[in-house]
């Protein structure tokens, strides 16, 4: 990726989306108590990599997060997409 400053490699024909979302939610399960009942007001998916996810995977991730931590009524959700 000539636009990227990070070490990048071509992905295979399929991305391990299910496993990655599972890992992200498992990681959140470890730290969710630190939210202390406060709602999320912002979620930022950065770095361009999230733009490789299918809408199904992103939806599953957001639903999983919301089951663990309440979303503020006016939550801002941003997804950075690079070429």
Foldseek 3Di string as FASTA:
>chain_A
DVVDPDDDDDDDPDDPLVVVLVVVLVVCVVVLVVCVQPAAQEAEADDQVVVVDDPVSVVVSVVSVCVRGPHDPNHYYYYDHDD
